[in-house]
Amino acid sequence: MNISPASVPLKKRSYRLGARADGIRLTRERILDAVGEALTTRWYDELTFAELAREAGVSGPTLTNHFGDKRGLLAAYARERLSEKISGLRYSVVPGDIPGAILVLVDDYERSGDMIIRVLALEHRFPDLTEVLAVGRAGHREWVAYIFEPYLPRRGHRREDAITRLVVCTDVYAWQLLRRDLGHSRTATRNHLLATVDAVVASLKENTA
């Protein structure tokens, strides 16, 4: 069998490109891991590129090459880690399963609620956070519409008003009030949120009866 001499270098090059791509991906994952660890205990405005690079074990230029600036880094973390994780958890519940929805919602907030609250607290001081947080708010509203679809009016302002009320009941601030400000247990927090949501759903049923 004849083998073209040019075919061997191409295979080696393909291997090198594959290894390089894997290295880039692993570096990116390591950086996002460091961001997640940092945001768990620290404020966004406290984080610097130099610290994050050191904690990720990469150079400052590498961080810049991957994400551009701190806003790009946060946007990537929100998109590639928080959004994927939240979607995977929340959309495991079928529409209409209110107890199941509140269960996964509280599980979600127990993992990421404090981090989100810290970022929200800085939004008005750092306008570059607004776009990232807007994506999160839109995602939460979409999930609410998905979960409560069987109980929502079909269309129009009544539907949007109902979604808004349910968004308020299930917002991270509701979790913070119950869990952190009032000091309720995880179970009590879940029960209070469930009772509040059930009351809104009951009013929707009455209005459509």
C-alpha atoms as a PDB file:
ATOM      1  CA  MET A   1       0.000   0.000   0.000  1.00  0.00           C
ATOM      2  CA  ASN A   2       1.374   3.405  -0.974  1.00  0.00           C
ATOM      3  CA  ILE A   3       1.369   6.154   1.647  1.00  0.00           C
ATOM      4  CA  SER A   4       1.729   9.741   0.564  1.00  0.00           C
ATOM      5  CA  PRO A   5       4.655  11.401   2.352  1.00  0.00           C
ATOM      6  CA  ALA A   6       2.453  14.411   3.049  1.00  0.00           C
ATOM      7  CA  SER A   7      -0.015  12.324   5.035  1.00  0.00           C
ATOM      8  CA  VAL A   8       2.256  11.706   8.019  1.00  0.00           C
ATOM      9  CA  PRO A   9       2.929  15.359   8.870  1.00  0.00           C
ATOM     10  CA  LEU A  10      -0.787  16.050   8.565  1.00  0.00           C
ATOM     11  CA  LYS A  11      -1.568  13.395  11.161  1.00  0.00           C
ATOM     12  CA  LYS A  12       1.070  14.753  13.503  1.00  0.00           C
ATOM     13  CA  ARG A  13      -0.247  18.269  13.013  1.00  0.00           C
ATOM     14  CA  SER A  14      -3.794  17.103  13.709  1.00  0.00           C
ATOM     15  CA  TYR A  15      -2.607  15.501  16.932  1.00  0.00           C
ATOM     16  CA  ARG A  16      -0.743  18.627  17.971  1.00  0.00           C
ATOM     17  CA  LEU A  17      -3.776  20.786  17.259  1.00  0.00           C
ATOM     18  CA  GLY A  18      -5.992  18.432  19.274  1.00  0.00           C
ATOM     19  CA  ALA A  19      -3.613  18.471  22.236  1.00  0.00           C
ATOM     20  CA  ARG A  20      -3.378  22.253  22.037  1.00  0.00           C
ATOM     21  CA  ALA A  21      -7.174  22.599  21.976  1.00  0.00           C
ATOM     22  CA  ASP A  22      -7.449  20.322  25.022  1.00  0.00           C
ATOM     23  CA  GLY A  23      -4.846  22.423  26.808  1.00  0.00           C
ATOM     24  CA  ILE A  24      -6.726  25.629  26.063  1.00  0.00           C
ATOM     25  CA  ARG A  25      -9.987  24.101  27.268  1.00  0.00           C
ATOM     26  CA  LEU A  26      -8.446  22.820  30.497  1.00  0.00           C
ATOM     27  CA  THR A  27      -6.847  26.203  31.152  1.00  0.00           C
ATOM     28  CA  ARG A  28     -10.203  27.897  30.672  1.00  0.00           C
ATOM     29  CA  GLU A  29     -11.886  25.428  33.019  1.00  0.00           C
ATOM     30  CA  ARG A  30      -9.183  25.994  35.645  1.00  0.00           C
ATOM     31  CA  ILE A  31      -9.693  29.753  35.436  1.00  0.00           C
ATOM     32  CA  LEU A  32     -13.464  29.418  35.801  1.00  0.00           C
ATOM     33  CA  ASP A  33     -12.937  27.108  38.781  1.00  0.00           C
ATOM     34  CA  ALA A  34     -10.841  29.835  40.414  1.00  0.00           C
ATOM     35  CA  VAL A  35     -13.517  32.445  39.718  1.00  0.00           C
ATOM     36  CA  GLY A  36     -16.190  30.249  41.281  1.00  0.00           C
ATOM     37  CA  GLU A  37     -14.104  29.679  44.395  1.00  0.00           C
ATOM     38  CA  ALA A  38     -13.355  33.390  44.705  1.00  0.00           C
ATOM     39  CA  LEU A  39     -16.963  34.545  44.244  1.00  0.00           C
ATOM     40  CA  THR A  40     -18.161  32.098  46.884  1.00  0.00           C
ATOM     41  CA  THR A  41     -16.487  34.078  49.663  1.00  0.00           C
ATOM     42  CA  ARG A  42     -15.455  37.433  48.193  1.00  0.00           C
ATOM     43  CA  TRP A  43     -16.978  40.487  46.537  1.00  0.00           C
ATOM     44  CA  TYR A  44     -16.689  41.182  42.817  1.00  0.00           C
ATOM     45  CA  ASP A  45     -14.957  44.534  43.385  1.00  0.00           C
ATOM     46  CA  GLU A  46     -12.316  42.850  45.563  1.00  0.00           C
ATOM     47  CA  LEU A  47     -11.197  40.516  42.809  1.00  0.00           C
ATOM     48  CA  THR A  48      -8.280  41.480  40.602  1.00  0.00           C
ATOM     49  CA  PHE A  49      -6.967  39.857  37.465  1.00  0.00           C
ATOM     50  CA  ALA A  50      -3.595  39.323  39.123  1.00  0.00           C
ATOM     51  CA  GLU A  51      -5.135  37.430  42.065  1.00  0.00           C
ATOM     52  CA  LEU A  52      -7.377  35.318  39.859  1.00  0.00           C
ATOM     53  CA  ALA A  53      -4.458  34.480  37.567  1.00  0.00           C
ATOM     54  CA  ARG A  54      -2.361  33.411  40.547  1.00  0.00           C
ATOM     55  CA  GLU A  55      -5.169  31.292  42.011  1.00  0.00           C
ATOM     56  CA  ALA A  56      -5.770  29.659  38.618  1.00  0.00           C
ATOM     57  CA  GLY A  57      -2.066  29.056  38.120  1.00  0.00           C
ATOM     58  CA  VAL A  58      -1.873  31.075  34.892  1.00  0.00           C
ATOM     59  CA  SER A  59      -0.293  34.323  33.787  1.00  0.00           C
ATOM     60  CA  GLY A  60      -2.104  37.656  33.519  1.00  0.00           C
ATOM     61  CA  PRO A  61      -1.802  37.683  29.711  1.00  0.00           C
ATOM     62  CA  THR A  62      -3.360  34.197  29.571  1.00  0.00           C
ATOM     63  CA  LEU A  63      -6.346  35.467  31.548  1.00  0.00           C
ATOM     64  CA  THR A  64      -6.681  38.414  29.183  1.00  0.00           C
ATOM     65  CA  ASN A  65      -6.389  36.216  26.090  1.00  0.00           C
ATOM     66  CA  HIS A  66      -9.225  33.992  27.287  1.00  0.00           C
ATOM     67  CA  PHE A  67     -11.677  36.589  28.649  1.00  0.00           C
ATOM     68  CA  GLY A  68     -10.531  40.108  27.760  1.00  0.00           C
ATOM     69  CA  ASP A  69     -11.347  41.837  31.043  1.00  0.00           C
ATOM     70  CA  LYS A  70     -13.070  41.216  34.356  1.00  0.00           C
ATOM     71  CA  ARG A  71     -16.513  41.825  32.884  1.00  0.00           C
ATOM     72  CA  GLY A  72     -15.839  39.225  30.199  1.00  0.00           C
ATOM     73  CA  LEU A  73     -14.616  36.824  32.840  1.00  0.00           C
ATOM     74  CA  LEU A  74     -17.759  37.217  34.944  1.00  0.00           C
ATOM     75  CA  ALA A  75     -19.982  36.920  31.865  1.00  0.00           C
ATOM     76  CA  ALA A  76     -18.245  33.687  30.875  1.00  0.00           C
ATOM     77  CA  TYR A  77     -18.591  32.282  34.388  1.00  0.00           C
ATOM     78  CA  ALA A  78     -22.287  33.176  34.501  1.00  0.00           C
ATOM     79  CA  ARG A  79     -22.889  31.671  31.055  1.00  0.00           C
ATOM     80  CA  GLU A  80     -20.717  28.548  31.220  1.00  0.00           C
ATOM     81  CA  ARG A  81     -21.068  27.616  34.853  1.00  0.00           C
ATOM     82  CA  LEU A  82     -24.029  29.237  36.594  1.00  0.00           C
ATOM     83  CA  SER A  83     -26.489  29.154  33.695  1.00  0.00           C
ATOM     84  CA  GLU A  84     -25.673  25.574  32.721  1.00  0.00           C
ATOM     85  CA  LYS A  85     -25.785  24.354  36.307  1.00  0.00           C
ATOM     86  CA  ILE A  86     -29.006  26.214  37.105  1.00  0.00           C
ATOM     87  CA  SER A  87     -30.709  25.061  33.905  1.00  0.00           C
ATOM     88  CA  GLY A  88     -29.704  21.470  34.481  1.00  0.00           C
ATOM     89  CA  LEU A  89     -31.139  21.545  37.995  1.00  0.00           C
ATOM     90  CA  ARG A  90     -34.259  23.626  37.478  1.00  0.00           C
ATOM     91  CA  TYR A  91     -35.415  22.103  34.215  1.00  0.00           C
ATOM     92  CA  SER A  92     -35.281  18.636  35.700  1.00  0.00           C
ATOM     93  CA  VAL A  93     -38.748  19.445  37.089  1.00  0.00           C
ATOM     94  CA  VAL A  94     -41.794  19.036  34.870  1.00  0.00           C
ATOM     95  CA  PRO A  95     -44.277  21.924  34.432  1.00  0.00           C
ATOM     96  CA  GLY A  96     -46.931  21.985  37.110  1.00  0.00           C
ATOM     97  CA  ASP A  97     -44.856  20.223  39.783  1.00  0.00           C
ATOM     98  CA  ILE A  98     -44.831  23.114  42.264  1.00  0.00           C
ATOM     99  CA  PRO A  99     -43.357  21.241  45.281  1.00  0.00           C
ATOM    100  CA  GLY A 100     -40.614  19.834  43.068  1.00  0.00           C
ATOM    101  CA  ALA A 101     -39.916  23.276  41.607  1.00  0.00           C
ATOM    102  CA  ILE A 102     -39.561  24.916  45.015  1.00  0.00           C
ATOM    103  CA  LEU A 103     -37.352  22.054  46.194  1.00  0.00           C
ATOM    104  CA  VAL A 104     -34.846  22.524  43.366  1.00  0.00           C
ATOM    105  CA  LEU A 105     -35.116  26.305  43.631  1.00  0.00           C
ATOM    106  CA  VAL A 106     -34.023  26.255  47.270  1.00  0.00           C
ATOM    107  CA  ASP A 107     -31.279  23.752  46.435  1.00  0.00           C
ATOM    108  CA  ASP A 108     -30.088  26.179  43.765  1.00  0.00           C
ATOM    109  CA  TYR A 109     -30.104  29.169  46.133  1.00  0.00           C
ATOM    110  CA  GLU A 110     -28.343  27.208  48.845  1.00  0.00           C
ATOM    111  CA  ARG A 111     -25.459  26.723  46.391  1.00  0.00           C
ATOM    112  CA  SER A 112     -25.323  30.090  44.671  1.00  0.00           C
ATOM    113  CA  GLY A 113     -27.693  32.476  46.469  1.00  0.00           C
ATOM    114  CA  ASP A 114     -25.113  34.266  48.604  1.00  0.00           C
ATOM    115  CA  MET A 115     -22.853  34.779  45.592  1.00  0.00           C
ATOM    116  CA  ILE A 116     -25.712  36.214  43.536  1.00  0.00           C
ATOM    117  CA  ILE A 117     -26.767  38.556  46.334  1.00  0.00           C
ATOM    118  CA  ARG A 118     -23.233  39.931  46.610  1.00  0.00           C
ATOM    119  CA  VAL A 119     -23.092  40.616  42.888  1.00  0.00           C
ATOM    120  CA  LEU A 120     -26.555  42.218  42.910  1.00  0.00           C
ATOM    121  CA  ALA A 121     -25.496  44.530  45.727  1.00  0.00           C
ATOM    122  CA  LEU A 122     -22.796  46.013  43.486  1.00  0.00           C
ATOM    123  CA  GLU A 123     -24.858  46.425  40.333  1.00  0.00           C
ATOM    124  CA  HIS A 124     -25.416  50.173  40.686  1.00  0.00           C
ATOM    125  CA  ARG A 125     -21.731  50.796  41.365  1.00  0.00           C
ATOM    126  CA  PHE A 126     -20.507  48.703  38.468  1.00  0.00           C
ATOM    127  CA  PRO A 127     -22.676  49.154  35.360  1.00  0.00           C
ATOM    128  CA  ASP A 128     -20.750  46.390  33.585  1.00  0.00           C
ATOM    129  CA  LEU A 129     -22.596  43.928  35.844  1.00  0.00           C
ATOM    130  CA  THR A 130     -26.008  44.973  34.522  1.00  0.00           C
ATOM    131  CA  GLU A 131     -25.827  42.977  31.304  1.00  0.00           C
ATOM    132  CA  VAL A 132     -24.728  39.821  33.116  1.00  0.00           C
ATOM    133  CA  LEU A 133     -27.478  40.153  35.721  1.00  0.00           C
ATOM    134  CA  ALA A 134     -30.083  40.915  33.057  1.00  0.00           C
ATOM    135  CA  VAL A 135     -29.387  37.513  31.520  1.00  0.00           C
ATOM    136  CA  GLY A 136     -29.952  35.879  34.906  1.00  0.00           C
ATOM    137  CA  ARG A 137     -33.212  37.755  35.466  1.00  0.00           C
ATOM    138  CA  ALA A 138     -34.494  36.797  32.036  1.00  0.00           C
ATOM    139  CA  GLY A 139     -33.528  33.181  32.630  1.00  0.00           C
ATOM    140  CA  HIS A 140     -35.402  33.081  35.935  1.00  0.00           C
ATOM    141  CA  ARG A 141     -38.521  34.556  34.341  1.00  0.00           C
ATOM    142  CA  GLU A 142     -38.392  31.995  31.520  1.00  0.00           C
ATOM    143  CA  TRP A 143     -38.126  29.189  34.061  1.00  0.00           C
ATOM    144  CA  VAL A 144     -41.092  30.536  36.038  1.00  0.00           C
ATOM    145  CA  ALA A 145     -43.180  30.660  32.853  1.00  0.00           C
ATOM    146  CA  TYR A 146     -42.120  27.076  32.043  1.00  0.00           C
ATOM    147  CA  ILE A 147     -42.855  25.616  35.479  1.00  0.00           C
ATOM    148  CA  PHE A 148     -46.179  27.379  36.066  1.00  0.00           C
ATOM    149  CA  GLU A 149     -47.466  27.124  32.498  1.00  0.00           C
ATOM    150  CA  PRO A 150     -50.444  24.876  33.444  1.00  0.00           C
ATOM    151  CA  TYR A 151     -51.766  27.600  35.786  1.00  0.00           C
ATOM    152  CA  LEU A 152     -51.068  30.724  33.735  1.00  0.00           C
ATOM    153  CA  PRO A 153     -53.545  32.702  31.625  1.00  0.00           C
ATOM    154  CA  ARG A 154     -53.001  31.950  27.971  1.00  0.00           C
ATOM    155  CA  ARG A 155     -51.943  35.395  26.799  1.00  0.00           C
ATOM    156  CA  GLY A 156     -51.917  39.145  27.347  1.00  0.00           C
ATOM    157  CA  HIS A 157     -51.192  41.343  30.333  1.00  0.00           C
ATOM    158  CA  ARG A 158     -52.914  38.957  32.753  1.00  0.00           C
ATOM    159  CA  ARG A 159     -50.407  36.286  31.848  1.00  0.00           C
ATOM    160  CA  GLU A 160     -47.455  38.666  32.237  1.00  0.00           C
ATOM    161  CA  ASP A 161     -48.796  39.947  35.554  1.00  0.00           C
ATOM    162  CA  ALA A 162     -49.154  36.387  36.854  1.00  0.00           C
ATOM    163  CA  ILE A 163     -45.585  35.543  35.824  1.00  0.00           C
ATOM    164  CA  THR A 164     -44.338  38.705  37.543  1.00  0.00           C
ATOM    165  CA  ARG A 165     -46.034  37.769  40.822  1.00  0.00           C
ATOM    166  CA  LEU A 166     -44.517  34.289  40.693  1.00  0.00           C
ATOM    167  CA  VAL A 167     -41.090  35.742  39.865  1.00  0.00           C
ATOM    168  CA  VAL A 168     -41.315  37.908  42.985  1.00  0.00           C
ATOM    169  CA  CYS A 169     -42.291  34.893  45.122  1.00  0.00           C
ATOM    170  CA  THR A 170     -39.369  32.828  43.858  1.00  0.00           C
ATOM    171  CA  ASP A 171     -36.681  35.501  43.539  1.00  0.00           C
ATOM    172  CA  VAL A 172     -33.339  35.112  45.289  1.00  0.00           C
ATOM    173  CA  TYR A 173     -34.257  38.078  47.505  1.00  0.00           C
ATOM    174  CA  ALA A 174     -37.209  36.082  48.886  1.00  0.00           C
ATOM    175  CA  TRP A 175     -34.781  33.290  49.763  1.00  0.00           C
ATOM    176  CA  GLN A 176     -32.372  35.770  51.345  1.00  0.00           C
ATOM    177  CA  LEU A 177     -35.109  37.330  53.479  1.00  0.00           C
ATOM    178  CA  LEU A 178     -36.237  33.992  54.848  1.00  0.00           C
ATOM    179  CA  ARG A 179     -32.925  32.167  55.060  1.00  0.00           C
ATOM    180  CA  ARG A 180     -30.454  34.889  55.987  1.00  0.00           C
ATOM    181  CA  ASP A 181     -32.363  37.875  57.392  1.00  0.00           C
ATOM    182  CA  LEU A 182     -34.965  35.924  59.384  1.00  0.00           C
ATOM    183  CA  GLY A 183     -32.726  32.925  60.043  1.00  0.00           C
ATOM    184  CA  HIS A 184     -35.168  30.220  58.982  1.00  0.00           C
ATOM    185  CA  SER A 185     -33.940  26.691  58.318  1.00  0.00           C
ATOM    186  CA  ARG A 186     -33.684  25.352  54.818  1.00  0.00           C
ATOM    187  CA  THR A 187     -36.867  23.327  55.299  1.00  0.00           C
ATOM    188  CA  ALA A 188     -38.797  26.254  56.778  1.00  0.00           C
ATOM    189  CA  THR A 189     -37.639  28.481  53.945  1.00  0.00           C
ATOM    190  CA  ARG A 190     -38.859  25.959  51.404  1.00  0.00           C
ATOM    191  CA  ASN A 191     -42.227  25.682  53.167  1.00  0.00           C
ATOM    192  CA  HIS A 192     -42.718  29.462  53.282  1.00  0.00           C
ATOM    193  CA  LEU A 193     -41.881  29.839  49.587  1.00  0.00           C
ATOM    194  CA  LEU A 194     -44.186  26.957  48.714  1.00  0.00           C
ATOM    195  CA  ALA A 195     -47.069  28.472  50.720  1.00  0.00           C
ATOM    196  CA  THR A 196     -46.587  31.855  49.054  1.00  0.00           C
ATOM    197  CA  VAL A 197     -46.482  30.373  45.568  1.00  0.00           C
ATOM    198  CA  ASP A 198     -49.500  28.148  46.283  1.00  0.00           C
ATOM    199  CA  ALA A 199     -51.463  31.249  47.304  1.00  0.00           C
ATOM    200  CA  VAL A 200     -50.662  32.974  44.010  1.00  0.00           C
ATOM    201  CA  VAL A 201     -51.559  29.867  42.003  1.00  0.00           C
ATOM    202  CA  ALA A 202     -54.840  29.529  43.938  1.00  0.00           C
ATOM    203  CA  SER A 203     -55.738  33.112  43.053  1.00  0.00           C
ATOM    204  CA  LEU A 204     -55.014  32.377  39.401  1.00  0.00           C
ATOM    205  CA  LYS A 205     -57.337  29.376  39.503  1.00  0.00           C
ATOM    206  CA  GLU A 206     -60.097  31.500  41.077  1.00  0.00           C
ATOM    207  CA  ASN A 207     -59.756  34.176  38.404  1.00  0.00           C
ATOM    208  CA  THR A 208     -60.002  31.624  35.604  1.00  0.00           C
ATOM    209  CA  ALA A 209     -62.819  29.573  37.145  1.00  0.00           C
END
